[in-house]
Amino acid sequence: MRNPNHIAELLSDKIQRACSNALAVAIGGSHSTAQQDDQSDLDLVVLLEDGPLIDQSAELARVLLPLIEEPVQLVGGPSWKEGFGCRTSVLYGDGFKVEIFAVTADAAPVVDRVLRWKPLWGSRPLHALQQSVQARLTRERILAKARFDTAYAHMSVCRHLARGELFAARHVLTSFVAIALALRLHELGRPYDTVTSYKRIVRDGLEGDAGVQAIETASQLLGGGAAALRSCLQALVDISWRSLDALGSSSEQAARLQVQLRAIAQVPQSWLLAVT
C-alpha cells in the first residue's frame, strides 16, 4: 500500500535541494485536512518565484518525475487548471494519482482552499501568500464572482441551445450545477468554490438539504433533449438567483448589481424564444 506522506516528503526534499526558484512546498486537498481515504490522491503545491509559470512548471516536472516513475503510468501536463495553478498529473495502474500544482504569488487562485494548504517547508512565504489571499476574499468580491459565474453560464447555455448544440449545452449546464451548489453551500456558511462544491455534498452530509435536493432534481434533466435542457437551465437560474438575493446585502449597490444580473440575462433568453 502506498504511503502518500512518504511520497510528499520525497518530492518536497528534492524540490528544496534542486529548485532554487521554489519558495515553499505544501500539501493540498484532503491530506491537508486529514480527511483523506484509501482512494484519495496526493496534491502537492509548489510556490515558485514570480516568472513564466508554464516554463517553471515544466522544469519542476523534469526534476520530480524520475523520482516517482513506474512501469505503468500516464503523465499529463504541465497545463493550467483554473482555480488551482499549473498542473502536472501522474496516473498509476493501481488507481493512485499524484498532482503537482505550481503557483506563484501573482498567479495563485483567490479561493478559500489556499488557506488550508499545509506547509512542508517554506512556512513564511506560504503564510504571506495565504494572508494576501485571505485579504482579497471579501464578501463583495465573492458575490461579484458568483454573479459573473451565474451570468456567464446562463449566456453560454442559451447560445448553445439556440444553435441546437445540445452536447455543448449539457457540458456548460454541468458547470452551472456546480455554481448553484457552491452558492447553496455559501448560504450554509461554507466557502464559495465551484471547483469543489459537487464533492462537498456527500462529504459534508448535505444530501438532505432542501436547496441541494432542488439542484439534484434540476440536474436529472441533463439527460433529456432540448426541452428538458431548457427546463434544467431555468431551474438552475431560478435557484441561483434566489441564493444571490439571499446572500446579497440590503445596500443600494447590491440591489443595483442584482438588477444588472437580470438585465444581462434578457437578451440570451430571447435567443431561446426565437427558436421555440
C-alpha atoms as a PDB file:
ATOM      1  CA  MET A   1       0.000   0.000   0.000  1.00  0.00           C
ATOM      2  CA  ARG A   2       1.303   3.444  -0.889  1.00  0.00           C
ATOM      3  CA  ASN A   3       2.352   5.983   1.699  1.00  0.00           C
ATOM      4  CA  PRO A   4       1.361   9.425   0.328  1.00  0.00           C
ATOM      5  CA  ASN A   5       3.189  11.195   3.155  1.00  0.00           C
ATOM      6  CA  HIS A   6       6.428   9.439   2.200  1.00  0.00           C
ATOM      7  CA  ILE A   7       5.961  10.437  -1.458  1.00  0.00           C
ATOM      8  CA  ALA A   8       5.253  14.035  -0.447  1.00  0.00           C
ATOM      9  CA  GLU A   9       8.411  14.161   1.695  1.00  0.00           C
ATOM     10  CA  LEU A  10      10.488  12.614  -1.104  1.00  0.00           C
ATOM     11  CA  LEU A  11       9.326  15.190  -3.631  1.00  0.00           C
ATOM     12  CA  SER A  12       9.491  18.055  -1.159  1.00  0.00           C
ATOM     13  CA  ASP A  13      13.102  17.277  -0.226  1.00  0.00           C
ATOM     14  CA  LYS A  14      14.104  17.110  -3.886  1.00  0.00           C
ATOM     15  CA  ILE A  15      12.475  20.462  -4.609  1.00  0.00           C
ATOM     16  CA  GLN A  16      14.250  22.075  -1.681  1.00  0.00           C
ATOM     17  CA  ARG A  17      17.617  20.761  -2.863  1.00  0.00           C
ATOM     18  CA  ALA A  18      17.287  21.120  -6.631  1.00  0.00           C
ATOM     19  CA  CYS A  19      14.886  24.008  -7.349  1.00  0.00           C
ATOM     20  CA  SER A  20      16.384  27.350  -6.373  1.00  0.00           C
ATOM     21  CA  ASN A  21      13.266  29.200  -7.538  1.00  0.00           C
ATOM     22  CA  ALA A  22      10.998  27.301  -5.106  1.00  0.00           C
ATOM     23  CA  LEU A  23       9.835  29.280  -2.076  1.00  0.00           C
ATOM     24  CA  ALA A  24       7.620  26.697  -0.339  1.00  0.00           C
ATOM     25  CA  VAL A  25       6.033  23.271  -0.680  1.00  0.00           C
ATOM     26  CA  ALA A  26       2.658  22.388   0.813  1.00  0.00           C
ATOM     27  CA  ILE A  27       0.117  19.587   0.908  1.00  0.00           C
ATOM     28  CA  GLY A  28      -3.317  20.397  -0.506  1.00  0.00           C
ATOM     29  CA  GLY A  29      -6.588  18.539  -0.894  1.00  0.00           C
ATOM     30  CA  SER A  30      -7.934  16.066   1.626  1.00  0.00           C
ATOM     31  CA  HIS A  31      -4.475  15.245   3.030  1.00  0.00           C
ATOM     32  CA  SER A  32      -4.108  18.846   4.214  1.00  0.00           C
ATOM     33  CA  THR A  33      -7.169  18.496   6.455  1.00  0.00           C
ATOM     34  CA  ALA A  34      -6.753  14.822   7.444  1.00  0.00           C
ATOM     35  CA  GLN A  35      -9.956  13.916   5.554  1.00  0.00           C
ATOM     36  CA  GLN A  36      -8.327  11.524   3.088  1.00  0.00           C
ATOM     37  CA  ASP A  37      -9.436   7.951   2.471  1.00  0.00           C
ATOM     38  CA  ASP A  38      -7.902   4.986   0.640  1.00  0.00           C
ATOM     39  CA  GLN A  39      -8.922   6.474  -2.729  1.00  0.00           C
ATOM     40  CA  SER A  40      -7.544   9.969  -2.129  1.00  0.00           C
ATOM     41  CA  ASP A  41      -4.851  11.277  -4.418  1.00  0.00           C
ATOM     42  CA  LEU A  42      -1.855  13.365  -3.391  1.00  0.00           C
ATOM     43  CA  ASP A  43      -1.954  17.106  -4.129  1.00  0.00           C
ATOM     44  CA  LEU A  44       1.424  18.797  -3.818  1.00  0.00           C
ATOM     45  CA  VAL A  45       1.568  22.588  -4.115  1.00  0.00           C
ATOM     46  CA  VAL A  46       4.837  24.304  -5.024  1.00  0.00           C
ATOM     47  CA  LEU A  47       5.102  28.068  -4.530  1.00  0.00           C
ATOM     48  CA  LEU A  48       7.614  29.479  -7.014  1.00  0.00           C
ATOM     49  CA  GLU A  49       9.197  32.856  -7.550  1.00  0.00           C
ATOM     50  CA  ASP A  50       7.291  35.122  -9.930  1.00  0.00           C
ATOM     51  CA  GLY A  51       8.137  34.266 -13.516  1.00  0.00           C
ATOM     52  CA  PRO A  52       6.943  32.276 -16.544  1.00  0.00           C
ATOM     53  CA  LEU A  53       4.810  29.689 -14.806  1.00  0.00           C
ATOM     54  CA  ILE A  54       4.493  27.118 -17.601  1.00  0.00           C
ATOM     55  CA  ASP A  55       8.273  27.047 -18.121  1.00  0.00           C
ATOM     56  CA  GLN A  56       8.928  26.776 -14.399  1.00  0.00           C
ATOM     57  CA  SER A  57       6.341  24.026 -14.056  1.00  0.00           C
ATOM     58  CA  ALA A  58       7.907  22.075 -16.919  1.00  0.00           C
ATOM     59  CA  GLU A  59      11.314  22.270 -15.244  1.00  0.00           C
ATOM     60  CA  LEU A  60       9.752  21.175 -11.953  1.00  0.00           C
ATOM     61  CA  ALA A  61       8.264  18.122 -13.666  1.00  0.00           C
ATOM     62  CA  ARG A  62      11.623  17.310 -15.256  1.00  0.00           C
ATOM     63  CA  VAL A  63      13.229  17.246 -11.808  1.00  0.00           C
ATOM     64  CA  LEU A  64      10.486  15.349  -9.978  1.00  0.00           C
ATOM     65  CA  LEU A  65       9.032  12.780 -12.364  1.00  0.00           C
ATOM     66  CA  PRO A  66      12.073  10.445 -12.327  1.00  0.00           C
ATOM     67  CA  LEU A  67      11.555  10.031  -8.564  1.00  0.00           C
ATOM     68  CA  ILE A  68       8.036   8.614  -8.964  1.00  0.00           C
ATOM     69  CA  GLU A  69       8.369   6.833 -12.295  1.00  0.00           C
ATOM     70  CA  GLU A  70       6.788   3.373 -12.561  1.00  0.00           C
ATOM     71  CA  PRO A  71       6.344   0.843 -15.394  1.00  0.00           C
ATOM     72  CA  VAL A  72       2.599   1.561 -15.613  1.00  0.00           C
ATOM     73  CA  GLN A  73       1.774   5.259 -15.576  1.00  0.00           C
ATOM     74  CA  LEU A  74       0.463   8.140 -17.655  1.00  0.00           C
ATOM     75  CA  VAL A  75       1.654  11.730 -17.296  1.00  0.00           C
ATOM     76  CA  GLY A  76      -0.334  14.811 -18.190  1.00  0.00           C
ATOM     77  CA  GLY A  77       0.794  18.433 -18.252  1.00  0.00           C
ATOM     78  CA  PRO A  78       2.041  20.795 -17.289  1.00  0.00           C
ATOM     79  CA  SER A  79      -1.115  22.720 -18.132  1.00  0.00           C
ATOM     80  CA  TRP A  80      -3.170  25.426 -16.466  1.00  0.00           C
ATOM     81  CA  LYS A  81      -6.092  24.303 -14.301  1.00  0.00           C
ATOM     82  CA  GLU A  82      -8.440  27.092 -13.345  1.00  0.00           C
ATOM     83  CA  GLY A  83      -8.704  27.535  -9.592  1.00  0.00           C
ATOM     84  CA  PHE A  84      -5.573  25.513  -8.846  1.00  0.00           C
ATOM     85  CA  GLY A  85      -2.476  26.525 -10.806  1.00  0.00           C
ATOM     86  CA  CYS A  86      -0.200  24.925 -13.373  1.00  0.00           C
ATOM     87  CA  ARG A  87      -0.741  21.182 -13.002  1.00  0.00           C
ATOM     88  CA  THR A  88       1.303  18.083 -13.767  1.00  0.00           C
ATOM     89  CA  SER A  89      -0.566  14.816 -13.108  1.00  0.00           C
ATOM     90  CA  VAL A  90       0.667  11.250 -12.835  1.00  0.00           C
ATOM     91  CA  LEU A  91      -1.802   8.345 -13.026  1.00  0.00           C
ATOM     92  CA  TYR A  92      -0.785   4.864 -11.833  1.00  0.00           C
ATOM     93  CA  GLY A  93      -2.066   1.377 -12.536  1.00  0.00           C
ATOM     94  CA  ASP A  94      -3.439   0.914  -9.014  1.00  0.00           C
ATOM     95  CA  GLY A  95      -5.697   3.996  -9.211  1.00  0.00           C
ATOM     96  CA  PHE A  96      -3.340   6.294  -7.325  1.00  0.00           C
ATOM     97  CA  LYS A  97      -2.736   9.808  -8.615  1.00  0.00           C
ATOM     98  CA  VAL A  98      -0.135  12.465  -7.850  1.00  0.00           C
ATOM     99  CA  GLU A  99      -0.902  16.062  -8.806  1.00  0.00           C
ATOM    100  CA  ILE A 100       1.801  18.712  -8.623  1.00  0.00           C
ATOM    101  CA  PHE A 101       0.469  22.274  -8.720  1.00  0.00           C
ATOM    102  CA  ALA A 102       2.911  25.079  -9.393  1.00  0.00           C
ATOM    103  CA  VAL A 103       1.809  28.580  -8.378  1.00  0.00           C
ATOM    104  CA  THR A 104       3.345  31.999  -7.990  1.00  0.00           C
ATOM    105  CA  ALA A 105       2.229  34.810  -5.717  1.00  0.00           C
ATOM    106  CA  ASP A 106       0.833  36.771  -8.666  1.00  0.00           C
ATOM    107  CA  ALA A 107      -0.970  33.763 -10.185  1.00  0.00           C
ATOM    108  CA  ALA A 108      -2.293  31.977  -7.107  1.00  0.00           C
ATOM    109  CA  PRO A 109      -6.026  31.187  -7.017  1.00  0.00           C
ATOM    110  CA  VAL A 110      -8.010  33.533  -4.788  1.00  0.00           C
ATOM    111  CA  VAL A 111     -10.093  30.842  -3.090  1.00  0.00           C
ATOM    112  CA  ASP A 112     -10.586  29.683   0.476  1.00  0.00           C
ATOM    113  CA  ARG A 113      -8.892  26.379  -0.392  1.00  0.00           C
ATOM    114  CA  VAL A 114      -5.492  28.128  -0.425  1.00  0.00           C
ATOM    115  CA  LEU A 115      -5.870  28.907   3.270  1.00  0.00           C
ATOM    116  CA  ARG A 116      -5.880  25.166   4.050  1.00  0.00           C
ATOM    117  CA  TRP A 117      -2.595  24.351   2.317  1.00  0.00           C
ATOM    118  CA  LYS A 118      -0.332  22.669   4.868  1.00  0.00           C
ATOM    119  CA  PRO A 119       3.356  23.632   4.550  1.00  0.00           C
ATOM    120  CA  LEU A 120       6.107  21.030   4.419  1.00  0.00           C
ATOM    121  CA  TRP A 121       8.709  23.786   4.281  1.00  0.00           C
ATOM    122  CA  GLY A 122       8.708  27.485   3.450  1.00  0.00           C
ATOM    123  CA  SER A 123       6.095  28.410   6.042  1.00  0.00           C
ATOM    124  CA  ARG A 124       6.882  32.121   5.968  1.00  0.00           C
ATOM    125  CA  PRO A 125       6.368  32.789   2.210  1.00  0.00           C
ATOM    126  CA  LEU A 126       3.389  30.436   2.154  1.00  0.00           C
ATOM    127  CA  HIS A 127       1.819  32.236   5.113  1.00  0.00           C
ATOM    128  CA  ALA A 128       2.393  35.579   3.372  1.00  0.00           C
ATOM    129  CA  LEU A 129       0.575  34.253   0.300  1.00  0.00           C
ATOM    130  CA  GLN A 130      -2.289  32.927   2.419  1.00  0.00           C
ATOM    131  CA  GLN A 131      -2.640  36.283   4.171  1.00  0.00           C
ATOM    132  CA  SER A 132      -2.756  38.036   0.793  1.00  0.00           C
ATOM    133  CA  VAL A 133      -5.442  35.657  -0.475  1.00  0.00           C
ATOM    134  CA  GLN A 134      -7.479  35.987   2.711  1.00  0.00           C
ATOM    135  CA  ALA A 135      -7.397  39.791   2.457  1.00  0.00           C
ATOM    136  CA  ARG A 136      -8.846  39.565  -1.063  1.00  0.00           C
ATOM    137  CA  LEU A 137     -11.605  37.126  -0.086  1.00  0.00           C
ATOM    138  CA  THR A 138     -14.061  39.868   0.762  1.00  0.00           C
ATOM    139  CA  ARG A 139     -17.797  39.324   0.699  1.00  0.00           C
ATOM    140  CA  GLU A 140     -18.143  41.800  -2.166  1.00  0.00           C
ATOM    141  CA  ARG A 141     -15.506  40.044  -4.285  1.00  0.00           C
ATOM    142  CA  ILE A 142     -17.004  36.607  -3.650  1.00  0.00           C
ATOM    143  CA  LEU A 143     -20.507  37.722  -4.605  1.00  0.00           C
ATOM    144  CA  ALA A 144     -19.180  39.569  -7.652  1.00  0.00           C
ATOM    145  CA  LYS A 145     -17.566  36.351  -8.867  1.00  0.00           C
ATOM    146  CA  ALA A 146     -20.731  34.367  -8.138  1.00  0.00           C
ATOM    147  CA  ARG A 147     -22.858  36.833 -10.129  1.00  0.00           C
ATOM    148  CA  PHE A 148     -20.425  36.688 -13.049  1.00  0.00           C
ATOM    149  CA  ASP A 149     -20.283  32.873 -12.934  1.00  0.00           C
ATOM    150  CA  THR A 150     -24.080  32.698 -12.998  1.00  0.00           C
ATOM    151  CA  ALA A 151     -24.485  35.189 -15.841  1.00  0.00           C
ATOM    152  CA  TYR A 152     -21.706  33.610 -17.915  1.00  0.00           C
ATOM    153  CA  ALA A 153     -23.114  30.091 -17.586  1.00  0.00           C
ATOM    154  CA  HIS A 154     -26.636  31.274 -18.414  1.00  0.00           C
ATOM    155  CA  MET A 155     -25.484  33.184 -21.515  1.00  0.00           C
ATOM    156  CA  SER A 156     -23.375  30.238 -22.744  1.00  0.00           C
ATOM    157  CA  VAL A 157     -26.169  27.675 -22.327  1.00  0.00           C
ATOM    158  CA  CYS A 158     -28.664  29.937 -24.070  1.00  0.00           C
ATOM    159  CA  ARG A 159     -26.276  30.353 -27.005  1.00  0.00           C
ATOM    160  CA  HIS A 160     -25.718  26.594 -27.317  1.00  0.00           C
ATOM    161  CA  LEU A 161     -29.426  25.752 -27.068  1.00  0.00           C
ATOM    162  CA  ALA A 162     -30.333  28.412 -29.633  1.00  0.00           C
ATOM    163  CA  ARG A 163     -27.855  26.831 -32.035  1.00  0.00           C
ATOM    164  CA  GLY A 164     -29.052  23.313 -31.304  1.00  0.00           C
ATOM    165  CA  GLU A 165     -25.688  22.387 -29.749  1.00  0.00           C
ATOM    166  CA  LEU A 166     -27.085  20.034 -27.128  1.00  0.00           C
ATOM    167  CA  PHE A 167     -23.800  18.376 -26.151  1.00  0.00           C
ATOM    168  CA  ALA A 168     -22.248  21.796 -25.572  1.00  0.00           C
ATOM    169  CA  ALA A 169     -25.316  22.894 -23.590  1.00  0.00           C
ATOM    170  CA  ARG A 170     -25.076  19.838 -21.337  1.00  0.00           C
ATOM    171  CA  HIS A 171     -21.383  20.486 -20.785  1.00  0.00           C
ATOM    172  CA  VAL A 172     -21.974  24.035 -19.561  1.00  0.00           C
ATOM    173  CA  LEU A 173     -25.059  23.024 -17.575  1.00  0.00           C
ATOM    174  CA  THR A 174     -22.904  20.667 -15.510  1.00  0.00           C
ATOM    175  CA  SER A 175     -20.763  23.701 -14.657  1.00  0.00           C
ATOM    176  CA  PHE A 176     -23.948  25.588 -13.781  1.00  0.00           C
ATOM    177  CA  VAL A 177     -24.871  22.780 -11.368  1.00  0.00           C
ATOM    178  CA  ALA A 178     -21.508  23.306  -9.637  1.00  0.00           C
ATOM    179  CA  ILE A 179     -22.201  27.053  -9.434  1.00  0.00           C
ATOM    180  CA  ALA A 180     -25.657  26.512  -7.936  1.00  0.00           C
ATOM    181  CA  LEU A 181     -24.208  24.056  -5.410  1.00  0.00           C
ATOM    182  CA  ALA A 182     -21.419  26.490  -4.500  1.00  0.00           C
ATOM    183  CA  LEU A 183     -23.993  29.222  -3.898  1.00  0.00           C
ATOM    184  CA  ARG A 184     -26.094  26.929  -1.717  1.00  0.00           C
ATOM    185  CA  LEU A 185     -23.025  25.907   0.271  1.00  0.00           C
ATOM    186  CA  HIS A 186     -22.158  29.581   0.715  1.00  0.00           C
ATOM    187  CA  GLU A 187     -25.669  30.223   2.026  1.00  0.00           C
ATOM    188  CA  LEU A 188     -24.941  27.489   4.592  1.00  0.00           C
ATOM    189  CA  GLY A 189     -21.766  29.241   5.721  1.00  0.00           C
ATOM    190  CA  ARG A 190     -19.207  27.400   3.612  1.00  0.00           C
ATOM    191  CA  PRO A 191     -16.749  28.859   1.100  1.00  0.00           C
ATOM    192  CA  TYR A 192     -17.922  29.656  -2.430  1.00  0.00           C
ATOM    193  CA  ASP A 193     -15.863  27.269  -4.572  1.00  0.00           C
ATOM    194  CA  THR A 194     -17.285  25.958  -7.843  1.00  0.00           C
ATOM    195  CA  VAL A 195     -14.320  23.593  -8.295  1.00  0.00           C
ATOM    196  CA  THR A 196     -15.060  21.540  -5.178  1.00  0.00           C
ATOM    197  CA  SER A 197     -18.758  22.189  -4.492  1.00  0.00           C
ATOM    198  CA  TYR A 198     -20.004  18.930  -6.033  1.00  0.00           C
ATOM    199  CA  LYS A 199     -17.601  16.927  -3.833  1.00  0.00           C
ATOM    200  CA  ARG A 200     -18.689  18.595  -0.617  1.00  0.00           C
ATOM    201  CA  ILE A 201     -22.315  17.455  -0.653  1.00  0.00           C
ATOM    202  CA  VAL A 202     -21.701  13.849   0.399  1.00  0.00           C
ATOM    203  CA  ARG A 203     -18.586  14.644   2.436  1.00  0.00           C
ATOM    204  CA  ASP A 204     -20.476  17.265   4.461  1.00  0.00           C
ATOM    205  CA  GLY A 205     -23.666  15.175   4.748  1.00  0.00           C
ATOM    206  CA  LEU A 206     -25.857  17.650   2.890  1.00  0.00           C
ATOM    207  CA  GLU A 207     -27.830  15.271   0.666  1.00  0.00           C
ATOM    208  CA  GLY A 208     -31.000  16.017   2.635  1.00  0.00           C
ATOM    209  CA  ASP A 209     -30.775  19.809   2.377  1.00  0.00           C
ATOM    210  CA  ALA A 210     -33.783  21.226   0.539  1.00  0.00           C
ATOM    211  CA  GLY A 211     -31.675  23.517  -1.617  1.00  0.00           C
ATOM    212  CA  VAL A 212     -29.347  20.703  -2.611  1.00  0.00           C
ATOM    213  CA  GLN A 213     -32.310  18.473  -3.432  1.00  0.00           C
ATOM    214  CA  ALA A 214     -33.753  21.170  -5.727  1.00  0.00           C
ATOM    215  CA  ILE A 215     -30.439  21.283  -7.618  1.00  0.00           C
ATOM    216  CA  GLU A 216     -30.399  17.482  -7.777  1.00  0.00           C
ATOM    217  CA  THR A 217     -33.882  17.500  -9.312  1.00  0.00           C
ATOM    218  CA  ALA A 218     -32.769  20.028 -11.932  1.00  0.00           C
ATOM    219  CA  SER A 219     -29.607  18.042 -12.745  1.00  0.00           C
ATOM    220  CA  GLN A 220     -31.667  14.940 -13.508  1.00  0.00           C
ATOM    221  CA  LEU A 221     -32.918  16.752 -16.630  1.00  0.00           C
ATOM    222  CA  LEU A 222     -29.418  16.786 -18.151  1.00  0.00           C
ATOM    223  CA  GLY A 223     -30.005  13.501 -19.952  1.00  0.00           C
ATOM    224  CA  GLY A 224     -33.014  14.790 -21.857  1.00  0.00           C
ATOM    225  CA  GLY A 225     -33.465  16.641 -25.131  1.00  0.00           C
ATOM    226  CA  ALA A 226     -33.711  20.343 -25.870  1.00  0.00           C
ATOM    227  CA  ALA A 227     -36.921  20.901 -23.892  1.00  0.00           C
ATOM    228  CA  ALA A 228     -35.524  19.139 -20.828  1.00  0.00           C
ATOM    229  CA  LEU A 229     -32.295  21.133 -21.050  1.00  0.00           C
ATOM    230  CA  ARG A 230     -34.254  24.382 -21.176  1.00  0.00           C
ATOM    231  CA  SER A 231     -36.171  23.333 -18.070  1.00  0.00           C
ATOM    232  CA  CYS A 232     -32.895  22.453 -16.366  1.00  0.00           C
ATOM    233  CA  LEU A 233     -31.466  25.858 -17.266  1.00  0.00           C
ATOM    234  CA  GLN A 234     -34.486  27.747 -15.975  1.00  0.00           C
ATOM    235  CA  ALA A 235     -34.472  25.806 -12.717  1.00  0.00           C
ATOM    236  CA  LEU A 236     -30.764  26.494 -12.153  1.00  0.00           C
ATOM    237  CA  VAL A 237     -31.225  30.191 -12.957  1.00  0.00           C
ATOM    238  CA  ASP A 238     -34.117  30.493 -10.502  1.00  0.00           C
ATOM    239  CA  ILE A 239     -32.210  28.618  -7.770  1.00  0.00           C
ATOM    240  CA  SER A 240     -29.015  30.652  -8.270  1.00  0.00           C
ATOM    241  CA  TRP A 241     -30.809  33.993  -8.373  1.00  0.00           C
ATOM    242  CA  ARG A 242     -32.620  33.153  -5.129  1.00  0.00           C
ATOM    243  CA  SER A 243     -29.313  32.282  -3.489  1.00  0.00           C
ATOM    244  CA  LEU A 244     -27.733  35.521  -4.698  1.00  0.00           C
ATOM    245  CA  ASP A 245     -30.714  37.504  -3.404  1.00  0.00           C
ATOM    246  CA  ALA A 246     -30.371  35.792  -0.036  1.00  0.00           C
ATOM    247  CA  LEU A 247     -26.614  36.348   0.134  1.00  0.00           C
ATOM    248  CA  GLY A 248     -26.666  39.969  -1.008  1.00  0.00           C
ATOM    249  CA  SER A 249     -26.814  42.856   1.410  1.00  0.00           C
ATOM    250  CA  SER A 250     -29.645  45.359   1.547  1.00  0.00           C
ATOM    251  CA  SER A 251     -27.431  48.159   0.197  1.00  0.00           C
ATOM    252  CA  GLU A 252     -28.328  50.133  -2.917  1.00  0.00           C
ATOM    253  CA  GLN A 253     -25.240  48.835  -4.685  1.00  0.00           C
ATOM    254  CA  ALA A 254     -26.195  45.190  -4.037  1.00  0.00           C
ATOM    255  CA  ALA A 255     -29.716  45.845  -5.329  1.00  0.00           C
ATOM    256  CA  ARG A 256     -28.298  47.543  -8.435  1.00  0.00           C
ATOM    257  CA  LEU A 257     -26.000  44.584  -9.161  1.00  0.00           C
ATOM    258  CA  GLN A 258     -28.892  42.154  -8.869  1.00  0.00           C
ATOM    259  CA  VAL A 259     -30.862  44.246 -11.342  1.00  0.00           C
ATOM    260  CA  GLN A 260     -27.877  44.178 -13.706  1.00  0.00           C
ATOM    261  CA  LEU A 261     -27.668  40.390 -13.399  1.00  0.00           C
ATOM    262  CA  ARG A 262     -31.260  40.028 -14.546  1.00  0.00           C
ATOM    263  CA  ALA A 263     -30.847  42.640 -17.292  1.00  0.00           C
ATOM    264  CA  ILE A 264     -27.869  40.798 -18.768  1.00  0.00           C
ATOM    265  CA  ALA A 265     -29.971  37.612 -18.899  1.00  0.00           C
ATOM    266  CA  GLN A 266     -32.719  39.162 -21.052  1.00  0.00           C
ATOM    267  CA  VAL A 267     -31.061  39.065 -24.477  1.00  0.00           C
ATOM    268  CA  PRO A 268     -29.723  35.481 -24.161  1.00  0.00           C
ATOM    269  CA  GLN A 269     -33.185  34.418 -23.032  1.00  0.00           C
ATOM    270  CA  SER A 270     -34.629  35.986 -26.177  1.00  0.00           C
ATOM    271  CA  TRP A 271     -32.409  33.724 -28.304  1.00  0.00           C
ATOM    272  CA  LEU A 272     -34.349  30.762 -26.952  1.00  0.00           C
ATOM    273  CA  LEU A 273     -37.699  32.410 -27.625  1.00  0.00           C
ATOM    274  CA  ALA A 274     -36.662  32.964 -31.233  1.00  0.00           C
ATOM    275  CA  VAL A 275     -36.245  29.226 -31.835  1.00  0.00           C
ATOM    276  CA  THR A 276     -39.219  27.985 -29.826  1.00  0.00           C
END
